[in-house]
Amino acid sequence: MEVIGLRERGVKYPRVVEQNKPRHRYCSDCKTEGKREIATWICLDCSNDKGRDVSVCAEHVASEHEEHYAEEIVY
């Protein structure tokens, strides 16, 4: 490793780790039930109707959005 500068006081190192955290979306249907489940699908039919992204988990895409057009979210 090569030193490219002096360490600054009050700075948390390594800074790059904070930038690499995944930005997960959470299931809209689980949120109304008080749960926090990571969404793996986006329902495009509901998104077009509501004018916003409707992200859902695998459980809800199979039960409540079965007839809708949905695409998998790649993290």
PDB file of N, CA and C in Angstrom:
ATOM      1  N   MET A   1       0.837  -1.184   0.000  1.00  0.00           N
ATOM      2  CA  MET A   1       0.000   0.000   0.000  1.00  0.00           C
ATOM      3  C   MET A   1       0.875   1.238   0.000  1.00  0.00           C
ATOM      4  N   GLU A   2       0.340   2.258  -0.559  1.00  0.00           N
ATOM      5  CA  GLU A   2       1.070   3.502  -0.683  1.00  0.00           C
ATOM      6  C   GLU A   2       0.284   4.608   0.005  1.00  0.00           C
ATOM      7  N   VAL A   3       0.951   5.416   0.784  1.00  0.00           N
ATOM      8  CA  VAL A   3       0.308   6.526   1.468  1.00  0.00           C
ATOM      9  C   VAL A   3       0.075   7.640   0.455  1.00  0.00           C
ATOM     10  N   ILE A   4      -1.178   8.088   0.349  1.00  0.00           N
ATOM     11  CA  ILE A   4      -1.476   9.155  -0.613  1.00  0.00           C
ATOM     12  C   ILE A   4      -1.828  10.464   0.083  1.00  0.00           C
ATOM     13  N   GLY A   5      -1.876  10.427   1.393  1.00  0.00           N
ATOM     14  CA  GLY A   5      -2.172  11.650   2.128  1.00  0.00           C
ATOM     15  C   GLY A   5      -2.173  11.374   3.618  1.00  0.00           C
ATOM     16  N   LEU A   6      -2.205  12.426   4.390  1.00  0.00           N
ATOM     17  CA  LEU A   6      -2.230  12.284   5.842  1.00  0.00           C
ATOM     18  C   LEU A   6      -3.643  11.989   6.325  1.00  0.00           C
ATOM     19  N   ARG A   7      -3.729  11.275   7.441  1.00  0.00           N
ATOM     20  CA  ARG A   7      -5.037  10.975   8.037  1.00  0.00           C
ATOM     21  C   ARG A   7      -5.626  12.257   8.623  1.00  0.00           C
ATOM     22  N   GLU A   8      -6.899  12.446   8.432  1.00  0.00           N
ATOM     23  CA  GLU A   8      -7.582  13.611   8.974  1.00  0.00           C
ATOM     24  C   GLU A   8      -8.209  13.245  10.310  1.00  0.00           C
ATOM     25  N   ARG A   9      -8.195  14.178  11.233  1.00  0.00           N
ATOM     26  CA  ARG A   9      -8.810  13.934  12.538  1.00  0.00           C
ATOM     27  C   ARG A   9     -10.324  13.982  12.421  1.00  0.00           C
ATOM     28  N   GLY A  10     -10.988  13.102  13.163  1.00  0.00           N
ATOM     29  CA  GLY A  10     -12.444  13.097  13.193  1.00  0.00           C
ATOM     30  C   GLY A  10     -13.098  12.441  11.992  1.00  0.00           C
ATOM     31  N   VAL A  11     -12.316  11.783  11.153  1.00  0.00           N
ATOM     32  CA  VAL A  11     -12.854  11.125   9.965  1.00  0.00           C
ATOM     33  C   VAL A  11     -12.828   9.623  10.194  1.00  0.00           C
ATOM     34  N   LYS A  12     -13.932   8.982   9.875  1.00  0.00           N
ATOM     35  CA  LYS A  12     -14.046   7.535  10.044  1.00  0.00           C
ATOM     36  C   LYS A  12     -13.440   6.839   8.828  1.00  0.00           C
ATOM     37  N   TYR A  13     -12.481   5.961   9.078  1.00  0.00           N
ATOM     38  CA  TYR A  13     -11.827   5.225   7.997  1.00  0.00           C
ATOM     39  C   TYR A  13     -12.204   3.765   8.074  1.00  0.00           C
ATOM     40  N   PRO A  14     -12.260   3.026   7.012  1.00  0.00           N
ATOM     41  CA  PRO A  14     -12.182   3.466   5.623  1.00  0.00           C
ATOM     42  C   PRO A  14     -13.509   4.048   5.171  1.00  0.00           C
ATOM     43  N   ARG A  15     -13.450   5.095   4.421  1.00  0.00           N
ATOM     44  CA  ARG A  15     -14.655   5.781   3.959  1.00  0.00           C
ATOM     45  C   ARG A  15     -15.364   5.016   2.848  1.00  0.00           C
ATOM     46  N   VAL A  16     -14.657   4.265   2.073  1.00  0.00           N
ATOM     47  CA  VAL A  16     -15.216   3.560   0.924  1.00  0.00           C
ATOM     48  C   VAL A  16     -16.273   2.548   1.362  1.00  0.00           C
ATOM     49  N   VAL A  17     -16.128   1.951   2.519  1.00  0.00           N
ATOM     50  CA  VAL A  17     -17.071   0.944   3.000  1.00  0.00           C
ATOM     51  C   VAL A  17     -18.475   1.527   3.111  1.00  0.00           C
ATOM     52  N   GLU A  18     -18.598   2.735   3.557  1.00  0.00           N
ATOM     53  CA  GLU A  18     -19.904   3.375   3.692  1.00  0.00           C
ATOM     54  C   GLU A  18     -20.575   3.544   2.334  1.00  0.00           C
ATOM     55  N   GLN A  19     -19.814   3.758   1.287  1.00  0.00           N
ATOM     56  CA  GLN A  19     -20.374   3.953  -0.042  1.00  0.00           C
ATOM     57  C   GLN A  19     -20.837   2.646  -0.665  1.00  0.00           C
ATOM     58  N   ASN A  20     -20.325   1.519  -0.193  1.00  0.00           N
ATOM     59  CA  ASN A  20     -20.643   0.226  -0.789  1.00  0.00           C
ATOM     60  C   ASN A  20     -21.819  -0.482  -0.130  1.00  0.00           C
ATOM     61  N   LYS A  21     -22.475   0.130   0.827  1.00  0.00           N
ATOM     62  CA  LYS A  21     -23.626  -0.503   1.463  1.00  0.00           C
ATOM     63  C   LYS A  21     -24.764  -0.622   0.449  1.00  0.00           C
ATOM     64  N   PRO A  22     -25.424  -1.780   0.395  1.00  0.00           N
ATOM     65  CA  PRO A  22     -26.544  -1.925  -0.551  1.00  0.00           C
ATOM     66  C   PRO A  22     -27.735  -1.073  -0.131  1.00  0.00           C
ATOM     67  N   ARG A  23     -28.410  -0.521  -1.075  1.00  0.00           N
ATOM     68  CA  ARG A  23     -29.605   0.289  -0.833  1.00  0.00           C
ATOM     69  C   ARG A  23     -30.821  -0.570  -1.146  1.00  0.00           C
ATOM     70  N   HIS A  24     -31.289  -1.310  -0.152  1.00  0.00           N
ATOM     71  CA  HIS A  24     -32.407  -2.220  -0.361  1.00  0.00           C
ATOM     72  C   HIS A  24     -33.731  -1.471  -0.362  1.00  0.00           C
ATOM     73  N   ARG A  25     -34.658  -1.959  -1.186  1.00  0.00           N
ATOM     74  CA  ARG A  25     -36.038  -1.490  -1.150  1.00  0.00           C
ATOM     75  C   ARG A  25     -36.804  -2.465  -0.275  1.00  0.00           C
ATOM     76  N   TYR A  26     -37.829  -1.975   0.385  1.00  0.00           N
ATOM     77  CA  TYR A  26     -38.624  -2.827   1.259  1.00  0.00           C
ATOM     78  C   TYR A  26     -40.018  -3.006   0.687  1.00  0.00           C
ATOM     79  N   CYS A  27     -40.625  -4.149   0.998  1.00  0.00           N
ATOM     80  CA  CYS A  27     -41.928  -4.529   0.464  1.00  0.00           C
ATOM     81  C   CYS A  27     -43.002  -3.559   0.940  1.00  0.00           C
ATOM     82  N   SER A  28     -43.769  -3.010   0.012  1.00  0.00           N
ATOM     83  CA  SER A  28     -44.848  -2.073   0.338  1.00  0.00           C
ATOM     84  C   SER A  28     -45.964  -2.766   1.107  1.00  0.00           C
ATOM     85  N   ASP A  29     -46.287  -4.009   0.731  1.00  0.00           N
ATOM     86  CA  ASP A  29     -47.362  -4.742   1.392  1.00  0.00           C
ATOM     87  C   ASP A  29     -46.973  -5.146   2.811  1.00  0.00           C
ATOM     88  N   CYS A  30     -45.732  -5.557   3.013  1.00  0.00           N
ATOM     89  CA  CYS A  30     -45.272  -5.918   4.357  1.00  0.00           C
ATOM     90  C   CYS A  30     -45.223  -4.688   5.260  1.00  0.00           C
ATOM     91  N   LYS A  31     -44.906  -3.536   4.685  1.00  0.00           N
ATOM     92  CA  LYS A  31     -44.824  -2.302   5.461  1.00  0.00           C
ATOM     93  C   LYS A  31     -46.177  -1.956   6.074  1.00  0.00           C
ATOM     94  N   THR A  32     -47.271  -2.196   5.328  1.00  0.00           N
ATOM     95  CA  THR A  32     -48.607  -1.916   5.864  1.00  0.00           C
ATOM     96  C   THR A  32     -48.982  -2.902   6.964  1.00  0.00           C
ATOM     97  N   GLU A  33     -48.354  -4.098   6.962  1.00  0.00           N
ATOM     98  CA  GLU A  33     -48.595  -5.098   8.001  1.00  0.00           C
ATOM     99  C   GLU A  33     -47.668  -4.921   9.194  1.00  0.00           C
ATOM    100  N   GLY A  34     -46.763  -3.959   9.127  1.00  0.00           N
ATOM    101  CA  GLY A  34     -45.849  -3.698  10.226  1.00  0.00           C
ATOM    102  C   GLY A  34     -44.574  -4.524  10.173  1.00  0.00           C
ATOM    103  N   LYS A  35     -44.321  -5.204   9.060  1.00  0.00           N
ATOM    104  CA  LYS A  35     -43.098  -5.994   8.908  1.00  0.00           C
ATOM    105  C   LYS A  35     -42.127  -5.242   8.006  1.00  0.00           C
ATOM    106  N   ARG A  36     -40.872  -5.676   8.035  1.00  0.00           N
ATOM    107  CA  ARG A  36     -39.849  -5.050   7.194  1.00  0.00           C
ATOM    108  C   ARG A  36     -39.128  -6.151   6.419  1.00  0.00           C
ATOM    109  N   GLU A  37     -39.604  -6.414   5.224  1.00  0.00           N
ATOM    110  CA  GLU A  37     -39.070  -7.479   4.368  1.00  0.00           C
ATOM    111  C   GLU A  37     -38.441  -6.840   3.129  1.00  0.00           C
ATOM    112  N   ILE A  38     -37.280  -7.310   2.735  1.00  0.00           N
ATOM    113  CA  ILE A  38     -36.604  -6.773   1.556  1.00  0.00           C
ATOM    114  C   ILE A  38     -37.369  -7.180   0.303  1.00  0.00           C
ATOM    115  N   ALA A  39     -37.656  -6.208  -0.542  1.00  0.00           N
ATOM    116  CA  ALA A  39     -38.398  -6.460  -1.781  1.00  0.00           C
ATOM    117  C   ALA A  39     -37.461  -7.040  -2.834  1.00  0.00           C
ATOM    118  N   THR A  40     -37.955  -8.046  -3.528  1.00  0.00           N
ATOM    119  CA  THR A  40     -37.176  -8.657  -4.604  1.00  0.00           C
ATOM    120  C   THR A  40     -37.869  -8.504  -5.954  1.00  0.00           C
ATOM    121  N   TRP A  41     -39.066  -7.929  -5.963  1.00  0.00           N
ATOM    122  CA  TRP A  41     -39.834  -7.731  -7.189  1.00  0.00           C
ATOM    123  C   TRP A  41     -40.404  -6.320  -7.213  1.00  0.00           C
ATOM    124  N   ILE A  42     -40.651  -5.805  -8.413  1.00  0.00           N
ATOM    125  CA  ILE A  42     -41.367  -4.544  -8.584  1.00  0.00           C
ATOM    126  C   ILE A  42     -42.564  -4.832  -9.483  1.00  0.00           C
ATOM    127  N   CYS A  43     -43.755  -4.502  -8.993  1.00  0.00           N
ATOM    128  CA  CYS A  43     -44.987  -4.732  -9.748  1.00  0.00           C
ATOM    129  C   CYS A  43     -45.210  -3.532 -10.663  1.00  0.00           C
ATOM    130  N   LEU A  44     -45.072  -3.748 -11.947  1.00  0.00           N
ATOM    131  CA  LEU A  44     -45.173  -2.647 -12.905  1.00  0.00           C
ATOM    132  C   LEU A  44     -46.612  -2.193 -13.110  1.00  0.00           C
ATOM    133  N   ASP A  45     -47.579  -3.114 -13.021  1.00  0.00           N
ATOM    134  CA  ASP A  45     -48.989  -2.724 -13.150  1.00  0.00           C
ATOM    135  C   ASP A  45     -49.391  -1.781 -12.023  1.00  0.00           C
ATOM    136  N   CYS A  46     -49.070  -2.140 -10.788  1.00  0.00           N
ATOM    137  CA  CYS A  46     -49.403  -1.285  -9.640  1.00  0.00           C
ATOM    138  C   CYS A  46     -48.597   0.014  -9.662  1.00  0.00           C
ATOM    139  N   SER A  47     -47.352  -0.057 -10.105  1.00  0.00           N
ATOM    140  CA  SER A  47     -46.516   1.142 -10.185  1.00  0.00           C
ATOM    141  C   SER A  47     -47.104   2.150 -11.161  1.00  0.00           C
ATOM    142  N   ASN A  48     -47.605   1.675 -12.293  1.00  0.00           N
ATOM    143  CA  ASN A  48     -48.226   2.572 -13.267  1.00  0.00           C
ATOM    144  C   ASN A  48     -49.528   3.150 -12.736  1.00  0.00           C
ATOM    145  N   ASP A  49     -50.327   2.346 -12.034  1.00  0.00           N
ATOM    146  CA  ASP A  49     -51.595   2.824 -11.479  1.00  0.00           C
ATOM    147  C   ASP A  49     -51.390   3.869 -10.391  1.00  0.00           C
ATOM    148  N   LYS A  50     -50.412   3.652  -9.507  1.00  0.00           N
ATOM    149  CA  LYS A  50     -50.199   4.539  -8.360  1.00  0.00           C
ATOM    150  C   LYS A  50     -49.235   5.679  -8.647  1.00  0.00           C
ATOM    151  N   GLY A  51     -48.498   5.598  -9.736  1.00  0.00           N
ATOM    152  CA  GLY A  51     -47.568   6.667 -10.078  1.00  0.00           C
ATOM    153  C   GLY A  51     -46.297   6.655  -9.252  1.00  0.00           C
ATOM    154  N   ARG A  52     -45.972   5.537  -8.632  1.00  0.00           N
ATOM    155  CA  ARG A  52     -44.744   5.386  -7.845  1.00  0.00           C
ATOM    156  C   ARG A  52     -44.313   3.926  -7.918  1.00  0.00           C
ATOM    157  N   ASP A  53     -43.084   3.643  -7.538  1.00  0.00           N
ATOM    158  CA  ASP A  53     -42.595   2.266  -7.553  1.00  0.00           C
ATOM    159  C   ASP A  53     -43.258   1.459  -6.444  1.00  0.00           C
ATOM    160  N   VAL A  54     -43.856   0.337  -6.806  1.00  0.00           N
ATOM    161  CA  VAL A  54     -44.454  -0.575  -5.831  1.00  0.00           C
ATOM    162  C   VAL A  54     -43.557  -1.803  -5.773  1.00  0.00           C
ATOM    163  N   SER A  55     -42.738  -1.871  -4.726  1.00  0.00           N
ATOM    164  CA  SER A  55     -41.812  -2.976  -4.537  1.00  0.00           C
ATOM    165  C   SER A  55     -42.451  -3.999  -3.613  1.00  0.00           C
ATOM    166  N   VAL A  56     -42.329  -5.284  -3.969  1.00  0.00           N
ATOM    167  CA  VAL A  56     -42.936  -6.346  -3.166  1.00  0.00           C
ATOM    168  C   VAL A  56     -41.947  -7.495  -2.980  1.00  0.00           C
ATOM    169  N   CYS A  57     -42.161  -8.256  -1.900  1.00  0.00           N
ATOM    170  CA  CYS A  57     -41.327  -9.423  -1.621  1.00  0.00           C
ATOM    171  C   CYS A  57     -41.847 -10.617  -2.420  1.00  0.00           C
ATOM    172  N   ALA A  58     -41.116 -11.705  -2.388  1.00  0.00           N
ATOM    173  CA  ALA A  58     -41.490 -12.903  -3.153  1.00  0.00           C
ATOM    174  C   ALA A  58     -42.824 -13.477  -2.684  1.00  0.00           C
ATOM    175  N   GLU A  59     -43.087 -13.392  -1.386  1.00  0.00           N
ATOM    176  CA  GLU A  59     -44.346 -13.916  -0.838  1.00  0.00           C
ATOM    177  C   GLU A  59     -45.550 -13.158  -1.386  1.00  0.00           C
ATOM    178  N   HIS A  60     -45.472 -11.840  -1.406  1.00  0.00           N
ATOM    179  CA  HIS A  60     -46.602 -11.037  -1.863  1.00  0.00           C
ATOM    180  C   HIS A  60     -46.741 -11.017  -3.384  1.00  0.00           C
ATOM    181  N   VAL A  61     -45.659 -11.167  -4.115  1.00  0.00           N
ATOM    182  CA  VAL A  61     -45.789 -11.202  -5.574  1.00  0.00           C
ATOM    183  C   VAL A  61     -46.514 -12.474  -5.994  1.00  0.00           C
ATOM    184  N   ALA A  62     -46.351 -13.547  -5.230  1.00  0.00           N
ATOM    185  CA  ALA A  62     -47.032 -14.808  -5.548  1.00  0.00           C
ATOM    186  C   ALA A  62     -48.487 -14.799  -5.108  1.00  0.00           C
ATOM    187  N   SER A  63     -48.786 -14.084  -4.015  1.00  0.00           N
ATOM    188  CA  SER A  63     -50.150 -14.135  -3.485  1.00  0.00           C
ATOM    189  C   SER A  63     -51.042 -12.987  -3.960  1.00  0.00           C
ATOM    190  N   GLU A  64     -50.540 -11.761  -3.978  1.00  0.00           N
ATOM    191  CA  GLU A  64     -51.392 -10.605  -4.258  1.00  0.00           C
ATOM    192  C   GLU A  64     -51.149  -9.961  -5.624  1.00  0.00           C
ATOM    193  N   HIS A  65     -50.034 -10.261  -6.253  1.00  0.00           N
ATOM    194  CA  HIS A  65     -49.707  -9.653  -7.546  1.00  0.00           C
ATOM    195  C   HIS A  65     -49.471 -10.730  -8.601  1.00  0.00           C
ATOM    196  N   GLU A  66     -50.124 -11.868  -8.433  1.00  0.00           N
ATOM    197  CA  GLU A  66     -49.894 -13.028  -9.294  1.00  0.00           C
ATOM    198  C   GLU A  66     -50.249 -12.759 -10.755  1.00  0.00           C
ATOM    199  N   GLU A  67     -51.325 -12.032 -11.001  1.00  0.00           N
ATOM    200  CA  GLU A  67     -51.787 -11.763 -12.367  1.00  0.00           C
ATOM    201  C   GLU A  67     -51.154 -10.506 -12.964  1.00  0.00           C
ATOM    202  N   HIS A  68     -50.335  -9.807 -12.188  1.00  0.00           N
ATOM    203  CA  HIS A  68     -49.722  -8.559 -12.643  1.00  0.00           C
ATOM    204  C   HIS A  68     -48.378  -8.833 -13.303  1.00  0.00           C
ATOM    205  N   TYR A  69     -47.942  -7.856 -14.105  1.00  0.00           N
ATOM    206  CA  TYR A  69     -46.618  -7.937 -14.711  1.00  0.00           C
ATOM    207  C   TYR A  69     -45.610  -7.409 -13.703  1.00  0.00           C
ATOM    208  N   ALA A  70     -44.664  -8.255 -13.301  1.00  0.00           N
ATOM    209  CA  ALA A  70     -43.654  -7.873 -12.314  1.00  0.00           C
ATOM    210  C   ALA A  70     -42.277  -8.257 -12.827  1.00  0.00           C
ATOM    211  N   GLU A  71     -41.284  -7.470 -12.428  1.00  0.00           N
ATOM    212  CA  GLU A  71     -39.896  -7.756 -12.788  1.00  0.00           C
ATOM    213  C   GLU A  71     -39.073  -7.889 -11.522  1.00  0.00           C
ATOM    214  N   GLU A  72     -38.083  -8.764 -11.579  1.00  0.00           N
ATOM    215  CA  GLU A  72     -37.224  -9.002 -10.422  1.00  0.00           C
ATOM    216  C   GLU A  72     -36.233  -7.851 -10.256  1.00  0.00           C
ATOM    217  N   ILE A  73     -36.014  -7.451  -9.016  1.00  0.00           N
ATOM    218  CA  ILE A  73     -35.043  -6.402  -8.701  1.00  0.00           C
ATOM    219  C   ILE A  73     -33.687  -7.072  -8.508  1.00  0.00           C
ATOM    220  N   VAL A  74     -32.676  -6.577  -9.194  1.00  0.00           N
ATOM    221  CA  VAL A  74     -31.324  -7.108  -9.058  1.00  0.00           C
ATOM    222  C   VAL A  74     -30.530  -6.145  -8.191  1.00  0.00           C
ATOM    223  N   TYR A  75     -30.068  -6.631  -7.051  1.00  0.00           N
ATOM    224  CA  TYR A  75     -29.267  -5.793  -6.144  1.00  0.00           C
ATOM    225  C   TYR A  75     -27.806  -5.964  -6.424  1.00  0.00           C
TER     226      TYR A  75
END
